[in-house]
Amino acid sequence: MKQRILALAAITVLFSFGNKAEAAGTATAEAAATIWQPIGIANTSNLNFGTLSPTGSDGTVTIATNSTVTNSNVTVIPTSSTRTAAAFRVTGEMDQSFSVTLPGSVTITSGSNSMLVDSFVADLPNQGGLSGTLPGGSSLLHVGATLHVGATQPSGAYTAPFNVTVAYN
């Protein structure tokens, strides 16, 4: 009797699994990914306000992204040095757009003396996109800013690094 019950139970189990297998369906999906080359940025030219002389009043010197100089209450010595916006080569995936993050301000120093650089601006070449030839794109990015010169700013060579960050949109 036990053997009949066991046999009947085994048949019931097989029959149950058999019906479920017939009612099941199978579908196939594909896993996919696209890899972009990392976006990169390299400095090709530094931001240079040139050689300046205070006039006895606080003043400013602004370098636009096209290297145009505007000054107020500061004498810019015309033949002493080149005044230029910073320039960066941005590289990455062809035809992809990117955003630029600039510093809020930076303090440049000469020994214990300092001056503030702020109001950073960047041009977005190709409307913030990478162009060029395959396998990757590139753009030249220019960065300008405003230097604040004190009325009696001490002489010296003032410098400090600043960061510009780019990211894909």
N, C-alpha and C. Protein backbone atom coordinates (compact mmCIF):
# COMPACT_ATOMS: atom_id res chain seq x y z
N MET A 1 0.81 -1.17 0.00
CA MET A 1 0.00 0.00 0.00
C MET A 1 0.87 1.27 0.00
N LYS A 2 1.93 1.21 0.79
CA LYS A 2 2.84 2.35 0.83
C LYS A 2 3.46 2.58 -0.54
N GLN A 3 3.76 1.49 -1.24
CA GLN A 3 4.39 1.64 -2.54
C GLN A 3 3.43 2.28 -3.53
N ARG A 4 2.14 1.92 -3.46
CA ARG A 4 1.16 2.52 -4.35
C ARG A 4 0.99 4.02 -4.06
N ILE A 5 1.00 4.34 -2.81
CA ILE A 5 0.84 5.75 -2.43
C ILE A 5 2.07 6.54 -2.92
N LEU A 6 3.25 5.97 -2.73
CA LEU A 6 4.46 6.64 -3.18
C LEU A 6 4.47 6.78 -4.70
N ALA A 7 4.08 5.75 -5.41
CA ALA A 7 4.04 5.80 -6.87
C ALA A 7 3.04 6.83 -7.34
N LEU A 8 1.86 6.83 -6.71
CA LEU A 8 0.81 7.80 -7.05
C LEU A 8 1.29 9.24 -6.77
N ALA A 9 1.99 9.44 -5.67
CA ALA A 9 2.52 10.76 -5.33
C ALA A 9 3.58 11.19 -6.34
N ALA A 10 4.44 10.27 -6.76
CA ALA A 10 5.46 10.59 -7.75
C ALA A 10 4.84 10.97 -9.08
N ILE A 11 3.80 10.24 -9.51
CA ILE A 11 3.12 10.56 -10.76
C ILE A 11 2.44 11.92 -10.66
N THR A 12 1.83 12.21 -9.52
CA THR A 12 1.18 13.51 -9.32
C THR A 12 2.20 14.64 -9.40
N VAL A 13 3.36 14.45 -8.77
CA VAL A 13 4.40 15.48 -8.79
C VAL A 13 4.89 15.68 -10.22
N LEU A 14 5.18 14.62 -10.96
CA LEU A 14 5.64 14.73 -12.34
C LEU A 14 4.60 15.40 -13.22
N PHE A 15 3.35 15.02 -13.02
CA PHE A 15 2.27 15.60 -13.80
C PHE A 15 2.13 17.11 -13.51
N SER A 16 2.31 17.47 -12.26
CA SER A 16 2.21 18.88 -11.86
C SER A 16 3.32 19.70 -12.51
N PHE A 17 4.55 19.20 -12.45
CA PHE A 17 5.66 19.92 -13.07
C PHE A 17 5.52 19.95 -14.58
N GLY A 18 5.07 18.90 -15.15
CA GLY A 18 4.87 18.83 -16.59
C GLY A 18 3.88 19.89 -17.06
N ASN A 19 2.79 20.10 -16.36
CA ASN A 19 1.81 21.11 -16.75
C ASN A 19 2.37 22.52 -16.62
N LYS A 20 3.14 22.77 -15.55
CA LYS A 20 3.71 24.10 -15.36
C LYS A 20 4.74 24.41 -16.44
N ALA A 21 5.53 23.43 -16.83
CA ALA A 21 6.53 23.64 -17.87
C ALA A 21 5.86 23.97 -19.19
N GLU A 22 4.75 23.35 -19.47
CA GLU A 22 4.06 23.64 -20.71
C GLU A 22 3.45 25.04 -20.70
N ALA A 23 3.11 25.58 -19.52
CA ALA A 23 2.48 26.88 -19.43
C ALA A 23 3.51 28.02 -19.38
N ALA A 24 4.80 27.71 -19.20
CA ALA A 24 5.84 28.74 -19.07
C ALA A 24 6.31 29.21 -20.44
N GLY A 25 6.84 30.44 -20.50
CA GLY A 25 7.41 30.99 -21.73
C GLY A 25 8.80 31.51 -21.45
N THR A 26 9.59 31.66 -22.48
CA THR A 26 10.96 32.14 -22.34
C THR A 26 11.19 33.29 -23.31
N ALA A 27 11.86 34.33 -22.82
CA ALA A 27 12.23 35.45 -23.67
C ALA A 27 13.71 35.75 -23.46
N THR A 28 14.33 36.33 -24.44
CA THR A 28 15.75 36.65 -24.36
C THR A 28 15.92 38.16 -24.42
N ALA A 29 16.74 38.68 -23.55
CA ALA A 29 17.09 40.10 -23.56
C ALA A 29 18.59 40.20 -23.80
N GLU A 30 19.03 41.38 -24.19
CA GLU A 30 20.44 41.61 -24.46
C GLU A 30 20.96 42.67 -23.51
N ALA A 31 22.12 42.45 -22.94
CA ALA A 31 22.79 43.45 -22.12
C ALA A 31 23.68 44.27 -23.05
N ALA A 32 23.69 45.59 -22.87
CA ALA A 32 24.47 46.46 -23.75
C ALA A 32 25.07 47.62 -22.96
N ALA A 33 26.16 48.15 -23.44
CA ALA A 33 26.79 49.34 -22.86
C ALA A 33 27.56 50.05 -23.96
N THR A 34 27.63 51.36 -23.87
CA THR A 34 28.45 52.16 -24.76
C THR A 34 29.50 52.85 -23.91
N ILE A 35 30.74 52.75 -24.30
CA ILE A 35 31.83 53.37 -23.55
C ILE A 35 32.32 54.59 -24.32
N TRP A 36 32.35 55.73 -23.64
CA TRP A 36 32.92 56.95 -24.21
C TRP A 36 34.32 57.11 -23.65
N GLN A 37 35.20 57.67 -24.47
CA GLN A 37 36.51 57.99 -23.94
C GLN A 37 36.34 59.07 -22.87
N PRO A 38 37.17 59.05 -21.85
CA PRO A 38 37.05 60.06 -20.80
C PRO A 38 37.25 61.46 -21.38
N ILE A 39 36.52 62.42 -20.84
CA ILE A 39 36.74 63.81 -21.24
C ILE A 39 38.01 64.28 -20.56
N GLY A 40 38.80 65.05 -21.27
CA GLY A 40 40.06 65.52 -20.71
C GLY A 40 40.23 67.01 -20.94
N ILE A 41 41.09 67.61 -20.15
CA ILE A 41 41.39 69.03 -20.30
C ILE A 41 42.87 69.23 -19.99
N ALA A 42 43.53 70.03 -20.84
CA ALA A 42 44.95 70.33 -20.64
C ALA A 42 45.19 71.82 -20.86
N ASN A 43 45.95 72.42 -19.99
CA ASN A 43 46.29 73.83 -20.10
C ASN A 43 47.25 74.04 -21.26
N THR A 44 46.94 75.02 -22.12
CA THR A 44 47.85 75.37 -23.22
C THR A 44 48.40 76.78 -23.08
N SER A 45 47.78 77.60 -22.21
CA SER A 45 48.26 78.97 -22.00
C SER A 45 47.70 79.47 -20.67
N ASN A 46 48.53 80.16 -19.89
CA ASN A 46 48.11 80.66 -18.58
C ASN A 46 47.39 82.00 -18.68
N LEU A 47 46.60 82.31 -17.68
CA LEU A 47 45.95 83.61 -17.55
C LEU A 47 47.02 84.61 -17.10
N ASN A 48 47.23 85.65 -17.90
CA ASN A 48 48.31 86.60 -17.60
C ASN A 48 47.76 88.02 -17.69
N PHE A 49 47.76 88.70 -16.57
CA PHE A 49 47.28 90.09 -16.52
C PHE A 49 48.34 91.09 -16.95
N GLY A 50 49.56 90.65 -17.15
CA GLY A 50 50.62 91.53 -17.60
C GLY A 50 51.31 92.24 -16.45
N THR A 51 52.06 93.26 -16.80
CA THR A 51 52.76 94.08 -15.81
C THR A 51 51.92 95.32 -15.56
N LEU A 52 51.71 95.63 -14.28
CA LEU A 52 50.77 96.68 -13.87
C LEU A 52 51.42 97.62 -12.87
N SER A 53 50.82 98.79 -12.75
CA SER A 53 51.26 99.75 -11.75
C SER A 53 50.02 100.37 -11.11
N PRO A 54 49.91 100.31 -9.75
CA PRO A 54 48.76 100.94 -9.09
C PRO A 54 48.80 102.46 -9.26
N THR A 55 47.64 103.08 -9.18
CA THR A 55 47.54 104.53 -9.40
C THR A 55 47.21 105.31 -8.14
N GLY A 56 47.23 104.64 -6.98
CA GLY A 56 46.89 105.32 -5.74
C GLY A 56 45.43 105.13 -5.36
N SER A 57 44.68 104.43 -6.18
CA SER A 57 43.29 104.05 -5.87
C SER A 57 43.15 102.57 -6.17
N ASP A 58 42.25 101.90 -5.44
CA ASP A 58 41.98 100.51 -5.75
C ASP A 58 41.51 100.41 -7.20
N GLY A 59 41.94 99.37 -7.89
CA GLY A 59 41.57 99.24 -9.30
C GLY A 59 41.39 97.79 -9.71
N THR A 60 41.05 97.62 -10.97
CA THR A 60 40.85 96.27 -11.52
C THR A 60 41.43 96.19 -12.93
N VAL A 61 41.78 94.97 -13.29
CA VAL A 61 42.17 94.66 -14.66
C VAL A 61 41.37 93.41 -15.03
N THR A 62 40.67 93.49 -16.15
CA THR A 62 39.87 92.36 -16.61
C THR A 62 40.42 91.86 -17.94
N ILE A 63 40.61 90.54 -18.01
CA ILE A 63 41.01 89.89 -19.26
C ILE A 63 39.78 89.11 -19.73
N ALA A 64 39.26 89.46 -20.91
CA ALA A 64 38.12 88.75 -21.49
C ALA A 64 38.62 87.44 -22.12
N THR A 65 37.69 86.58 -22.50
CA THR A 65 38.06 85.29 -23.09
C THR A 65 38.81 85.45 -24.42
N ASN A 66 38.64 86.58 -25.08
CA ASN A 66 39.37 86.83 -26.33
C ASN A 66 40.66 87.63 -26.07
N SER A 67 41.07 87.73 -24.81
CA SER A 67 42.28 88.42 -24.35
C SER A 67 42.21 89.93 -24.43
N THR A 68 41.02 90.49 -24.61
CA THR A 68 40.84 91.94 -24.54
C THR A 68 41.03 92.39 -23.09
N VAL A 69 41.77 93.49 -22.90
CA VAL A 69 42.07 93.99 -21.56
C VAL A 69 41.26 95.25 -21.28
N THR A 70 40.63 95.29 -20.12
CA THR A 70 39.94 96.47 -19.62
C THR A 70 40.52 96.79 -18.25
N ASN A 71 40.92 98.03 -18.04
CA ASN A 71 41.47 98.37 -16.73
C ASN A 71 40.82 99.62 -16.17
N SER A 72 40.80 99.67 -14.84
CA SER A 72 40.25 100.82 -14.13
C SER A 72 41.16 101.13 -12.94
N ASN A 73 41.67 102.35 -12.88
CA ASN A 73 42.57 102.79 -11.80
C ASN A 73 43.83 101.94 -11.68
N VAL A 74 44.26 101.35 -12.78
CA VAL A 74 45.50 100.58 -12.82
C VAL A 74 46.18 100.90 -14.14
N THR A 75 47.47 101.18 -14.11
CA THR A 75 48.21 101.40 -15.35
C THR A 75 48.73 100.06 -15.85
N VAL A 76 48.38 99.75 -17.09
CA VAL A 76 48.88 98.53 -17.73
C VAL A 76 50.09 98.94 -18.55
N ILE A 77 51.24 98.37 -18.25
CA ILE A 77 52.47 98.69 -18.95
C ILE A 77 52.42 97.97 -20.31
N PRO A 78 52.25 98.70 -21.41
CA PRO A 78 51.93 98.06 -22.69
C PRO A 78 53.03 97.19 -23.28
N THR A 79 54.28 97.51 -23.11
CA THR A 79 55.33 96.76 -23.79
C THR A 79 56.01 95.73 -22.89
N SER A 80 55.54 95.58 -21.67
CA SER A 80 56.27 94.76 -20.71
C SER A 80 55.99 93.26 -20.82
N SER A 81 54.78 92.89 -21.17
CA SER A 81 54.46 91.46 -21.22
C SER A 81 53.16 91.24 -21.99
N THR A 82 52.93 90.02 -22.31
CA THR A 82 51.71 89.66 -23.03
C THR A 82 50.58 89.45 -22.04
N ARG A 83 49.44 89.99 -22.34
CA ARG A 83 48.25 89.81 -21.51
C ARG A 83 47.32 88.87 -22.27
N THR A 84 47.00 87.72 -21.64
CA THR A 84 46.18 86.72 -22.34
C THR A 84 45.22 86.02 -21.40
N ALA A 85 44.13 85.58 -21.99
CA ALA A 85 43.22 84.67 -21.29
C ALA A 85 43.90 83.31 -21.19
N ALA A 86 43.50 82.53 -20.22
CA ALA A 86 44.00 81.15 -20.16
C ALA A 86 43.36 80.36 -21.29
N ALA A 87 44.07 79.37 -21.79
CA ALA A 87 43.53 78.52 -22.85
C ALA A 87 43.71 77.06 -22.44
N PHE A 88 42.70 76.26 -22.77
CA PHE A 88 42.71 74.84 -22.44
C PHE A 88 42.24 74.05 -23.65
N ARG A 89 42.84 72.90 -23.90
CA ARG A 89 42.37 71.98 -24.94
C ARG A 89 41.49 70.94 -24.24
N VAL A 90 40.23 70.87 -24.67
CA VAL A 90 39.28 69.89 -24.13
C VAL A 90 39.16 68.77 -25.16
N THR A 91 39.32 67.54 -24.72
CA THR A 91 39.24 66.39 -25.62
C THR A 91 38.23 65.39 -25.09
N GLY A 92 37.63 64.66 -26.02
CA GLY A 92 36.67 63.64 -25.61
C GLY A 92 35.94 63.07 -26.80
N GLU A 93 34.76 62.61 -26.55
CA GLU A 93 33.95 61.92 -27.55
C GLU A 93 33.40 62.93 -28.58
N MET A 94 33.59 62.62 -29.84
CA MET A 94 33.18 63.47 -30.96
C MET A 94 31.71 63.88 -30.84
N ASP A 95 31.43 65.16 -31.07
CA ASP A 95 30.08 65.73 -31.13
C ASP A 95 29.33 65.70 -29.81
N GLN A 96 30.00 65.47 -28.70
CA GLN A 96 29.33 65.45 -27.40
C GLN A 96 29.49 66.81 -26.73
N SER A 97 28.45 67.22 -26.01
CA SER A 97 28.50 68.51 -25.33
C SER A 97 29.12 68.34 -23.93
N PHE A 98 29.63 69.45 -23.42
CA PHE A 98 30.25 69.42 -22.10
C PHE A 98 29.96 70.73 -21.36
N SER A 99 30.10 70.68 -20.05
CA SER A 99 29.93 71.86 -19.21
C SER A 99 31.29 72.21 -18.59
N VAL A 100 31.41 73.45 -18.16
CA VAL A 100 32.65 73.96 -17.58
C VAL A 100 32.36 74.49 -16.18
N THR A 101 33.19 74.11 -15.22
CA THR A 101 33.09 74.64 -13.86
C THR A 101 34.35 75.46 -13.59
N LEU A 102 34.14 76.73 -13.22
CA LEU A 102 35.24 77.66 -12.96
C LEU A 102 35.31 77.97 -11.47
N PRO A 103 36.47 78.42 -11.00
CA PRO A 103 36.55 78.80 -9.59
C PRO A 103 35.75 80.07 -9.31
N GLY A 104 35.29 80.22 -8.10
CA GLY A 104 34.64 81.47 -7.69
C GLY A 104 35.66 82.58 -7.58
N SER A 105 36.80 82.26 -7.01
CA SER A 105 37.90 83.23 -6.90
C SER A 105 39.18 82.47 -6.55
N VAL A 106 40.28 83.16 -6.71
CA VAL A 106 41.59 82.63 -6.32
C VAL A 106 42.41 83.82 -5.83
N THR A 107 43.25 83.56 -4.85
CA THR A 107 44.14 84.60 -4.33
C THR A 107 45.53 84.33 -4.87
N ILE A 108 46.06 85.30 -5.62
CA ILE A 108 47.43 85.16 -6.10
C ILE A 108 48.35 85.87 -5.11
N THR A 109 49.55 85.32 -4.94
CA THR A 109 50.44 85.85 -3.90
C THR A 109 51.84 86.08 -4.43
N SER A 110 52.52 87.00 -3.75
CA SER A 110 53.95 87.25 -3.92
C SER A 110 54.48 87.41 -2.51
N GLY A 111 55.12 86.36 -1.99
CA GLY A 111 55.52 86.38 -0.59
C GLY A 111 54.29 86.46 0.29
N SER A 112 54.24 87.48 1.17
CA SER A 112 53.09 87.63 2.06
C SER A 112 52.03 88.58 1.48
N ASN A 113 52.27 89.11 0.27
CA ASN A 113 51.31 90.02 -0.37
C ASN A 113 50.36 89.23 -1.26
N SER A 114 49.15 89.76 -1.41
CA SER A 114 48.16 89.02 -2.20
C SER A 114 47.23 89.95 -2.97
N MET A 115 46.60 89.38 -4.00
CA MET A 115 45.55 90.07 -4.76
C MET A 115 44.48 89.03 -5.09
N LEU A 116 43.25 89.49 -5.21
CA LEU A 116 42.12 88.62 -5.51
C LEU A 116 41.85 88.59 -7.01
N VAL A 117 41.62 87.39 -7.54
CA VAL A 117 41.17 87.20 -8.91
C VAL A 117 39.79 86.56 -8.82
N ASP A 118 38.79 87.16 -9.48
CA ASP A 118 37.44 86.60 -9.44
C ASP A 118 36.72 86.88 -10.76
N SER A 119 35.43 86.69 -10.77
CA SER A 119 34.59 86.90 -11.97
C SER A 119 35.12 86.11 -13.16
N PHE A 120 35.48 84.86 -12.91
CA PHE A 120 35.97 84.00 -14.00
C PHE A 120 34.87 83.78 -15.02
N VAL A 121 35.25 83.80 -16.30
CA VAL A 121 34.32 83.55 -17.41
C VAL A 121 35.00 82.61 -18.40
N ALA A 122 34.18 81.83 -19.09
CA ALA A 122 34.71 80.93 -20.12
C ALA A 122 33.87 81.06 -21.37
N ASP A 123 34.52 80.94 -22.52
CA ASP A 123 33.76 80.84 -23.75
C ASP A 123 33.43 79.36 -23.94
N LEU A 124 32.31 79.08 -24.54
CA LEU A 124 31.95 77.69 -24.82
C LEU A 124 32.05 77.47 -26.32
N PRO A 125 33.19 77.00 -26.78
CA PRO A 125 33.38 76.81 -28.22
C PRO A 125 32.41 75.77 -28.76
N ASN A 126 31.98 75.95 -30.00
CA ASN A 126 31.05 75.01 -30.63
C ASN A 126 29.83 74.78 -29.76
N GLN A 127 29.37 75.82 -29.08
CA GLN A 127 28.23 75.74 -28.17
C GLN A 127 28.45 74.66 -27.11
N GLY A 128 29.67 74.53 -26.63
CA GLY A 128 29.97 73.56 -25.58
C GLY A 128 30.07 72.15 -26.09
N GLY A 129 30.41 71.97 -27.38
CA GLY A 129 30.52 70.63 -27.95
C GLY A 129 31.92 70.34 -28.44
N LEU A 130 32.23 69.06 -28.57
CA LEU A 130 33.53 68.63 -29.05
C LEU A 130 33.43 68.32 -30.54
N SER A 131 34.32 68.90 -31.33
CA SER A 131 34.32 68.67 -32.77
C SER A 131 35.71 68.23 -33.18
N GLY A 132 35.88 67.95 -34.43
CA GLY A 132 37.18 67.53 -34.91
C GLY A 132 37.05 66.27 -35.73
N THR A 133 38.11 65.50 -35.76
CA THR A 133 38.09 64.28 -36.55
C THR A 133 38.08 63.08 -35.62
N LEU A 134 37.54 61.98 -36.11
CA LEU A 134 37.52 60.76 -35.32
C LEU A 134 38.95 60.32 -35.04
N PRO A 135 39.25 59.61 -33.96
CA PRO A 135 38.34 58.95 -33.07
C PRO A 135 37.76 59.83 -31.97
N GLY A 136 38.22 61.02 -31.81
CA GLY A 136 37.67 61.86 -30.75
C GLY A 136 37.53 63.29 -31.20
N GLY A 137 36.90 64.09 -30.37
CA GLY A 137 36.72 65.49 -30.68
C GLY A 137 37.57 66.34 -29.75
N SER A 138 37.70 67.61 -30.08
CA SER A 138 38.43 68.53 -29.23
C SER A 138 37.91 69.94 -29.44
N SER A 139 38.11 70.76 -28.45
CA SER A 139 37.76 72.18 -28.51
C SER A 139 38.79 72.96 -27.72
N LEU A 140 38.99 74.21 -28.12
CA LEU A 140 39.86 75.11 -27.38
C LEU A 140 38.97 76.01 -26.54
N LEU A 141 39.19 76.02 -25.24
CA LEU A 141 38.39 76.77 -24.27
C LEU A 141 39.25 77.90 -23.72
N HIS A 142 38.70 79.12 -23.67
CA HIS A 142 39.42 80.27 -23.12
C HIS A 142 38.74 80.73 -21.83
N VAL A 143 39.56 81.14 -20.86
CA VAL A 143 39.06 81.58 -19.56
C VAL A 143 39.66 82.94 -19.23
N GLY A 144 38.78 83.87 -18.91
CA GLY A 144 39.20 85.20 -18.48
C GLY A 144 38.77 85.45 -17.04
N ALA A 145 39.19 86.58 -16.46
CA ALA A 145 38.84 86.90 -15.07
C ALA A 145 39.19 88.35 -14.78
N THR A 146 38.88 88.77 -13.56
CA THR A 146 39.17 90.13 -13.10
C THR A 146 40.15 90.08 -11.94
N LEU A 147 41.20 90.89 -12.02
CA LEU A 147 42.20 91.03 -10.97
C LEU A 147 41.92 92.32 -10.21
N HIS A 148 41.94 92.24 -8.87
CA HIS A 148 41.73 93.42 -8.01
C HIS A 148 43.09 93.86 -7.47
N VAL A 149 43.47 95.09 -7.83
CA VAL A 149 44.78 95.64 -7.45
C VAL A 149 44.56 96.71 -6.39
N GLY A 150 45.29 96.58 -5.29
CA GLY A 150 45.18 97.57 -4.21
C GLY A 150 45.82 98.90 -4.59
N ALA A 151 45.39 99.97 -3.94
CA ALA A 151 45.89 101.32 -4.22
C ALA A 151 47.40 101.42 -4.05
N THR A 152 47.94 100.70 -3.09
CA THR A 152 49.39 100.72 -2.85
C THR A 152 49.94 99.28 -2.92
N GLN A 153 49.50 98.55 -3.89
CA GLN A 153 49.89 97.14 -4.02
C GLN A 153 51.41 97.02 -4.10
N PRO A 154 52.02 96.22 -3.21
CA PRO A 154 53.48 96.06 -3.26
C PRO A 154 53.94 95.37 -4.55
N SER A 155 55.13 95.72 -4.99
CA SER A 155 55.67 95.12 -6.21
C SER A 155 56.00 93.65 -5.95
N GLY A 156 56.02 92.89 -7.03
CA GLY A 156 56.34 91.47 -6.93
C GLY A 156 55.69 90.70 -8.07
N ALA A 157 56.09 89.46 -8.23
CA ALA A 157 55.48 88.57 -9.22
C ALA A 157 54.45 87.71 -8.49
N TYR A 158 53.18 87.93 -8.76
CA TYR A 158 52.07 87.27 -8.07
C TYR A 158 51.58 86.08 -8.90
N THR A 159 51.43 84.94 -8.25
CA THR A 159 50.93 83.75 -8.95
C THR A 159 50.12 82.87 -8.02
N ALA A 160 49.29 82.04 -8.60
CA ALA A 160 48.58 80.96 -7.90
C ALA A 160 47.90 80.10 -8.95
N PRO A 161 47.82 78.82 -8.72
CA PRO A 161 47.11 77.95 -9.66
C PRO A 161 45.60 78.07 -9.46
N PHE A 162 44.85 77.71 -10.48
CA PHE A 162 43.39 77.61 -10.36
C PHE A 162 42.92 76.45 -11.23
N ASN A 163 41.81 75.87 -10.84
CA ASN A 163 41.29 74.68 -11.55
C ASN A 163 40.10 75.03 -12.43
N VAL A 164 40.08 74.41 -13.58
CA VAL A 164 38.93 74.45 -14.51
C VAL A 164 38.53 72.99 -14.73
N THR A 165 37.26 72.70 -14.54
CA THR A 165 36.77 71.33 -14.65
C THR A 165 35.77 71.23 -15.78
N VAL A 166 35.86 70.19 -16.59
CA VAL A 166 34.90 69.94 -17.65
C VAL A 166 34.24 68.59 -17.41
N ALA A 167 32.98 68.47 -17.83
CA ALA A 167 32.24 67.21 -17.69
C ALA A 167 31.26 67.07 -18.84
N TYR A 168 31.04 65.85 -19.27
CA TYR A 168 30.02 65.61 -20.29
C TYR A 168 28.66 66.02 -19.74
N ASN A 169 27.82 66.57 -20.61
CA ASN A 169 26.43 66.90 -20.21
C ASN A 169 25.59 65.64 -20.29
